[in-house]
Amino acid sequence: MTVSPLLELVAQAPASQAAQINLFQAIVIGIVQGLTEFLPISSTAHVKIVPVALGWGDPGVAFTAVIQLGSLAAILWYFWDDLTTVSKNMISATLAKRYRSTDFRLGLGIILGSIPIVFCGLIIKLFFETQYETSVIRSTQAIAITSIVMAIFLGIAEKVGTRKRNFEKLDLWDGIGVGFGQALALVPGVSRSGSTLTAGLFLGLERDTAARFSFLLGTPAILLSGLVELKGLLEEMSMVGDASLMPLIGGLVAAVISSYLAIAWLIKFLRRNSTWVFVWYRLAFGVAILAGIATNTIQNV
């Protein structure tokens, strides 16, 4: 799921970071962000590792958070009919006091499911920002280990999940359960998409239903994450000049297009295939990072 939504809410980038990204680099990072935000392989790890591996350095937390708005735009683009239908039906059910209806329970589930990650992110941001910034869980090695651990959990969920419930059978408790899974994405390397997909499979959802619900549930978190950091990035841009505007726009456009393609591909893929390809990829990715650290080709920062 995920640079994880709200993960960026709990950090600040140095003022010079975003200004160092040129247009080409921003587009590449936007593509990486868009693809990995919705595939269950951790955008946090990829957006951090790929630029560093290419010798570009860290693009900066604020820059990365703001291009997540491109991922949000892709969700709204792809799921506009679903979002408007759920919203209208929930309002109608509320006015009619049909609190036991599927429409009301699904809408309320999305709202309640967004609370854990928002609450935890704000607590970290307000009270533990410094400790979080210097925490060992943000190190490259920790991200690699987390990727391996979450791969194992996804594999277990794939093995034991019943996959008997479709989108029409979602309810309030699915929102709450998947919402707590989403909160785990505050830990770098977990992947918001991966943790919510894993939670959905454990709850007995069909694979494509779990992915679809994961995307809808992530909308409020991604929106809040990007908007919180947008103000900080705009302030940074005012200090370095208009030259940083084009990279930001390029990264946003790249993130929108790649995010949309990733959403469409993943839902179609999961209708006929298992999640094992992502399990093995995450295992290999984590092992590769640890090997890179051991051979000093990747810094443990």
Protein backbone atom coordinates (compact mmCIF):
# COMPACT_ATOMS: atom_id res chain seq x y z
CA MET A 1 0.00 0.00 0.00
CA THR A 2 2.47 2.30 0.18
CA VAL A 3 5.43 5.56 0.34
CA SER A 4 2.63 4.66 2.66
CA PRO A 5 -0.16 7.20 3.02
CA LEU A 6 0.33 9.10 6.25
CA LEU A 7 3.89 7.78 6.50
CA GLU A 8 4.89 11.04 4.87
CA LEU A 9 2.64 12.90 7.28
CA VAL A 10 5.06 12.11 10.06
CA ALA A 11 8.23 13.53 8.57
CA GLN A 12 9.75 16.67 7.07
CA ALA A 13 12.29 16.85 4.25
CA PRO A 14 15.34 19.09 4.32
CA ALA A 15 14.72 22.33 2.43
CA SER A 16 17.18 21.52 -0.32
CA GLN A 17 15.99 18.01 -1.15
CA ALA A 18 13.13 18.73 -3.58
CA ALA A 19 15.17 21.37 -5.44
CA GLN A 20 17.80 18.76 -6.37
CA ILE A 21 15.35 16.71 -8.43
CA ASN A 22 15.35 17.52 -12.14
CA LEU A 23 12.47 16.87 -14.55
CA PHE A 24 13.68 13.51 -15.82
CA GLN A 25 14.39 12.23 -12.31
CA ALA A 26 11.00 13.47 -11.10
CA ILE A 27 9.21 11.60 -13.89
CA VAL A 28 11.06 8.38 -13.09
CA ILE A 29 10.29 8.75 -9.38
CA GLY A 30 6.66 9.51 -10.23
CA ILE A 31 6.42 6.30 -12.24
CA VAL A 32 8.02 4.30 -9.43
CA GLN A 33 5.65 5.93 -6.91
CA GLY A 34 2.57 5.28 -9.04
CA LEU A 35 3.36 1.64 -9.76
CA THR A 36 4.46 0.67 -6.27
CA GLU A 37 1.78 2.63 -4.39
CA PHE A 38 -0.87 0.16 -5.50
CA LEU A 39 1.08 -3.03 -6.04
CA PRO A 40 1.63 -4.83 -2.71
CA ILE A 41 5.42 -4.36 -2.78
CA SER A 42 6.00 -1.18 -0.71
CA SER A 43 6.35 2.18 -2.39
CA THR A 44 8.35 3.44 0.61
CA ALA A 45 11.14 0.99 -0.12
CA HIS A 46 11.18 1.54 -3.87
CA VAL A 47 10.95 5.34 -3.83
CA LYS A 48 13.83 5.38 -1.36
CA ILE A 49 16.01 2.68 -2.90
CA VAL A 50 15.62 3.36 -6.64
CA PRO A 51 16.83 7.01 -6.67
CA VAL A 52 19.68 6.16 -4.31
CA ALA A 53 20.68 3.17 -6.45
CA LEU A 54 20.70 5.44 -9.53
CA GLY A 55 22.93 7.93 -7.72
CA TRP A 56 20.31 10.67 -7.41
CA GLY A 57 20.04 10.69 -3.64
CA ASP A 58 16.89 10.95 -1.54
CA PRO A 59 14.15 12.95 -3.37
CA GLY A 60 12.83 14.26 -0.07
CA VAL A 61 9.81 13.38 2.03
CA ALA A 62 7.74 16.40 1.03
CA PHE A 63 8.30 15.85 -2.71
CA THR A 64 7.40 12.18 -2.40
CA ALA A 65 4.27 12.93 -0.36
CA VAL A 66 2.99 15.52 -2.79
CA ILE A 67 3.35 13.29 -5.87
CA GLN A 68 1.10 10.89 -3.95
CA LEU A 69 -1.64 13.32 -4.95
CA GLY A 70 -1.12 11.87 -8.42
CA SER A 71 -1.98 8.46 -6.98
CA LEU A 72 -5.06 9.99 -5.36
CA ALA A 73 -6.12 11.50 -8.70
CA ALA A 74 -5.79 8.05 -10.27
CA ILE A 75 -8.02 6.51 -7.58
CA LEU A 76 -10.66 9.18 -8.12
CA TRP A 77 -10.38 8.70 -11.88
CA TYR A 78 -10.69 4.92 -11.78
CA PHE A 79 -13.19 4.57 -8.93
CA TRP A 80 -15.30 7.71 -9.45
CA ASP A 81 -18.49 5.72 -10.05
CA ASP A 82 -17.86 3.53 -7.00
CA LEU A 83 -17.05 6.49 -4.75
CA THR A 84 -20.06 8.52 -5.82
CA THR A 85 -22.38 5.51 -5.56
CA VAL A 86 -21.17 4.62 -2.05
CA SER A 87 -21.45 8.26 -0.93
CA LYS A 88 -24.94 8.79 -2.35
CA ASN A 89 -26.23 5.47 -1.04
CA MET A 90 -24.78 6.11 2.41
CA ILE A 91 -26.43 9.54 2.57
CA SER A 92 -29.74 8.07 1.41
CA ALA A 93 -29.50 5.25 3.94
CA THR A 94 -28.67 7.72 6.71
CA LEU A 95 -31.63 10.00 5.87
CA ALA A 96 -33.92 6.96 5.73
CA LYS A 97 -32.39 5.63 8.98
CA ARG A 98 -31.53 2.35 7.27
CA TYR A 99 -28.49 1.82 9.46
CA ARG A 100 -28.39 -1.92 8.86
CA SER A 101 -28.29 -1.58 5.08
CA THR A 102 -25.23 -2.69 3.14
CA ASP A 103 -24.74 0.80 1.69
CA PHE A 104 -24.61 2.46 5.09
CA ARG A 105 -22.34 -0.16 6.62
CA LEU A 106 -19.91 -0.06 3.68
CA GLY A 107 -19.68 3.74 3.74
CA LEU A 108 -19.25 3.79 7.50
CA GLY A 109 -16.65 1.04 7.20
CA ILE A 110 -14.54 3.20 4.88
CA ILE A 111 -14.79 6.14 7.28
CA LEU A 112 -13.96 4.11 10.38
CA GLY A 113 -11.25 2.20 8.53
CA SER A 114 -9.46 5.47 7.80
CA ILE A 115 -9.31 6.48 11.46
CA PRO A 116 -6.48 4.19 12.70
CA ILE A 117 -3.82 5.39 10.24
CA VAL A 118 -4.89 9.04 10.53
CA PHE A 119 -4.89 8.89 14.32
CA CYS A 120 -1.56 7.08 14.60
CA GLY A 121 0.04 9.33 11.99
CA LEU A 122 -1.04 12.48 13.78
CA ILE A 123 0.17 11.17 17.14
CA ILE A 124 3.59 10.45 15.69
CA LYS A 125 3.67 13.78 13.88
CA LEU A 126 2.69 15.83 16.94
CA PHE A 127 4.54 14.02 19.72
CA PHE A 128 7.18 11.65 18.36
CA GLU A 129 8.42 13.21 15.13
CA THR A 130 12.06 13.47 16.17
CA GLN A 131 12.17 9.96 17.59
CA TYR A 132 10.52 8.60 14.47
CA GLU A 133 12.95 10.43 12.18
CA THR A 134 15.93 8.84 13.92
CA SER A 135 14.28 5.50 14.57
CA VAL A 136 15.95 2.33 13.39
CA ILE A 137 12.68 1.31 11.65
CA ARG A 138 13.39 3.91 8.96
CA SER A 139 16.76 2.39 8.07
CA THR A 140 17.28 0.59 4.78
CA GLN A 141 18.02 -2.65 6.62
CA ALA A 142 14.79 -2.41 8.60
CA ILE A 143 12.82 -1.77 5.40
CA ALA A 144 14.35 -4.90 3.85
CA ILE A 145 13.47 -7.03 6.87
CA THR A 146 9.95 -5.62 6.98
CA SER A 147 9.49 -6.42 3.30
CA ILE A 148 10.44 -10.04 3.97
CA VAL A 149 8.18 -10.33 7.03
CA MET A 150 5.18 -8.87 5.19
CA ALA A 151 5.83 -11.22 2.28
CA ILE A 152 5.49 -14.13 4.69
CA PHE A 153 2.22 -12.76 6.09
CA LEU A 154 0.83 -12.25 2.57
CA GLY A 155 1.78 -15.82 1.75
CA ILE A 156 -0.04 -17.10 4.84
CA ALA A 157 -3.11 -15.02 3.98
CA GLU A 158 -3.05 -16.40 0.44
CA LYS A 159 -2.88 -19.92 1.86
CA VAL A 160 -5.58 -19.72 4.56
CA GLY A 161 -7.95 -17.10 3.11
CA THR A 162 -11.33 -18.51 2.07
CA ARG A 163 -11.93 -15.88 -0.67
CA LYS A 164 -15.72 -16.40 -0.54
CA ARG A 165 -16.97 -12.81 -0.28
CA ASN A 166 -17.22 -10.27 -3.10
CA PHE A 167 -17.67 -6.49 -3.09
CA GLU A 168 -21.42 -6.69 -2.54
CA LYS A 169 -20.84 -8.57 0.73
CA LEU A 170 -18.49 -6.00 2.30
CA ASP A 171 -19.61 -4.55 5.60
CA LEU A 172 -18.62 -2.36 8.53
CA TRP A 173 -16.27 -4.89 10.10
CA ASP A 174 -14.32 -5.31 6.89
CA GLY A 175 -13.63 -1.57 6.96
CA ILE A 176 -12.42 -1.71 10.53
CA GLY A 177 -10.28 -4.82 10.00
CA VAL A 178 -8.67 -3.60 6.79
CA GLY A 179 -8.29 -0.16 8.39
CA PHE A 180 -6.11 -1.56 11.16
CA GLY A 181 -4.09 -3.34 8.50
CA GLN A 182 -3.65 -0.01 6.75
CA ALA A 183 -2.29 1.56 9.95
CA LEU A 184 0.63 -0.90 9.82
CA ALA A 185 1.79 0.97 6.72
CA LEU A 186 3.19 3.68 8.99
CA VAL A 187 6.12 1.29 9.35
CA PRO A 188 8.40 1.79 6.32
CA GLY A 189 8.51 -1.23 4.06
CA VAL A 190 5.12 -2.63 5.10
CA SER A 191 3.25 -1.34 2.00
CA ARG A 192 -0.23 0.08 2.49
CA SER A 193 -1.54 -1.90 -0.44
CA GLY A 194 0.20 -5.03 0.83
CA SER A 195 -1.04 -4.76 4.42
CA THR A 196 -4.65 -4.01 3.40
CA LEU A 197 -4.67 -6.77 0.78
CA THR A 198 -3.31 -9.17 3.36
CA ALA A 199 -5.96 -8.11 5.89
CA GLY A 200 -8.70 -8.51 3.27
CA LEU A 201 -7.58 -12.03 2.43
CA PHE A 202 -7.51 -12.98 6.11
CA LEU A 203 -11.09 -11.66 6.36
CA GLY A 204 -12.19 -14.02 3.58
CA LEU A 205 -12.52 -11.51 0.73
CA GLU A 206 -11.90 -12.41 -2.89
CA ARG A 207 -8.52 -11.20 -4.10
CA ASP A 208 -9.79 -8.52 -6.48
CA THR A 209 -12.39 -7.39 -3.92
CA ALA A 210 -9.70 -7.01 -1.27
CA ALA A 211 -7.59 -4.93 -3.70
CA ARG A 212 -10.54 -2.80 -4.81
CA PHE A 213 -11.61 -2.10 -1.24
CA SER A 214 -8.00 -1.34 -0.31
CA PHE A 215 -7.87 1.40 -2.95
CA LEU A 216 -11.16 2.97 -1.83
CA LEU A 217 -10.11 2.87 1.81
CA GLY A 218 -6.79 4.50 1.00
CA THR A 219 -8.38 7.61 -0.57
CA PRO A 220 -8.75 9.69 2.64
CA ALA A 221 -5.26 8.77 3.89
CA ILE A 222 -3.52 9.58 0.61
CA LEU A 223 -5.41 12.88 0.36
CA LEU A 224 -4.48 13.98 3.88
CA SER A 225 -0.86 12.92 3.44
CA GLY A 226 -0.35 14.91 0.26
CA LEU A 227 -2.21 18.01 1.42
CA VAL A 228 -0.30 18.21 4.70
CA GLU A 229 3.04 18.13 2.89
CA LEU A 230 1.92 20.36 0.00
CA LYS A 231 2.20 23.51 2.10
CA GLY A 232 5.74 22.64 3.18
CA LEU A 233 6.88 21.85 -0.36
CA LEU A 234 5.42 25.09 -1.74
CA GLU A 235 7.37 26.98 0.93
CA GLU A 236 10.55 25.17 -0.13
CA MET A 237 9.86 26.02 -3.78
CA SER A 238 9.49 29.71 -2.93
CA MET A 239 13.01 29.64 -1.49
CA VAL A 240 14.67 27.89 -4.43
CA GLY A 241 12.72 29.53 -7.27
CA ASP A 242 10.40 28.41 -10.05
CA ALA A 243 12.89 25.86 -11.38
CA SER A 244 11.46 23.25 -9.00
CA LEU A 245 7.92 23.64 -10.37
CA MET A 246 8.39 21.64 -13.58
CA PRO A 247 9.89 18.58 -11.82
CA LEU A 248 6.94 18.58 -9.41
CA ILE A 249 4.43 18.77 -12.27
CA GLY A 250 6.30 16.09 -14.20
CA GLY A 251 6.33 13.80 -11.16
CA LEU A 252 2.61 14.35 -10.56
CA VAL A 253 1.63 13.57 -14.16
CA ALA A 254 3.84 10.47 -14.20
CA ALA A 255 2.33 9.31 -10.91
CA VAL A 256 -1.24 9.78 -12.20
CA ILE A 257 -0.69 7.72 -15.34
CA SER A 258 1.37 4.96 -13.74
CA SER A 259 -1.02 4.75 -10.77
CA TYR A 260 -4.05 4.34 -13.02
CA LEU A 261 -2.33 1.61 -15.04
CA ALA A 262 -1.24 -0.17 -11.84
CA ILE A 263 -4.78 -0.13 -10.40
CA ALA A 264 -6.36 -1.43 -13.60
CA TRP A 265 -3.72 -4.12 -14.07
CA LEU A 266 -3.76 -5.36 -10.47
CA ILE A 267 -7.55 -5.77 -10.26
CA LYS A 268 -7.62 -7.61 -13.57
CA PHE A 269 -4.63 -9.74 -12.55
CA LEU A 270 -6.12 -10.76 -9.19
CA ARG A 271 -9.38 -11.91 -10.76
CA ARG A 272 -7.55 -14.88 -12.23
CA ASN A 273 -4.26 -15.15 -10.37
CA SER A 274 -2.94 -15.51 -6.84
CA THR A 275 -0.69 -13.08 -4.96
CA TRP A 276 2.28 -15.45 -4.90
CA VAL A 277 4.20 -13.42 -7.50
CA PHE A 278 4.21 -10.50 -5.04
CA VAL A 279 5.19 -12.75 -2.16
CA TRP A 280 8.25 -14.01 -4.03
CA TYR A 281 9.10 -10.53 -5.33
CA ARG A 282 9.03 -9.01 -1.84
CA LEU A 283 11.19 -11.81 -0.49
CA ALA A 284 13.71 -11.35 -3.30
CA PHE A 285 13.63 -7.56 -2.95
CA GLY A 286 14.31 -7.72 0.79
CA VAL A 287 17.11 -10.24 0.37
CA ALA A 288 18.66 -8.15 -2.43
CA ILE A 289 18.72 -5.05 -0.21
CA LEU A 290 20.31 -6.97 2.66
CA ALA A 291 22.89 -8.37 0.25
CA GLY A 292 23.59 -4.86 -1.04
CA ILE A 293 24.11 -3.62 2.52
CA ALA A 294 26.40 -6.55 3.29
CA THR A 295 28.54 -5.80 0.23
CA ASN A 296 28.44 -2.02 0.81
CA THR A 297 26.71 -1.37 -2.52
CA ILE A 298 23.68 0.01 -0.69
CA GLN A 299 23.95 2.28 2.34
CA ASN A 300 22.01 1.38 5.47
CA VAL A 301 20.59 4.87 6.03
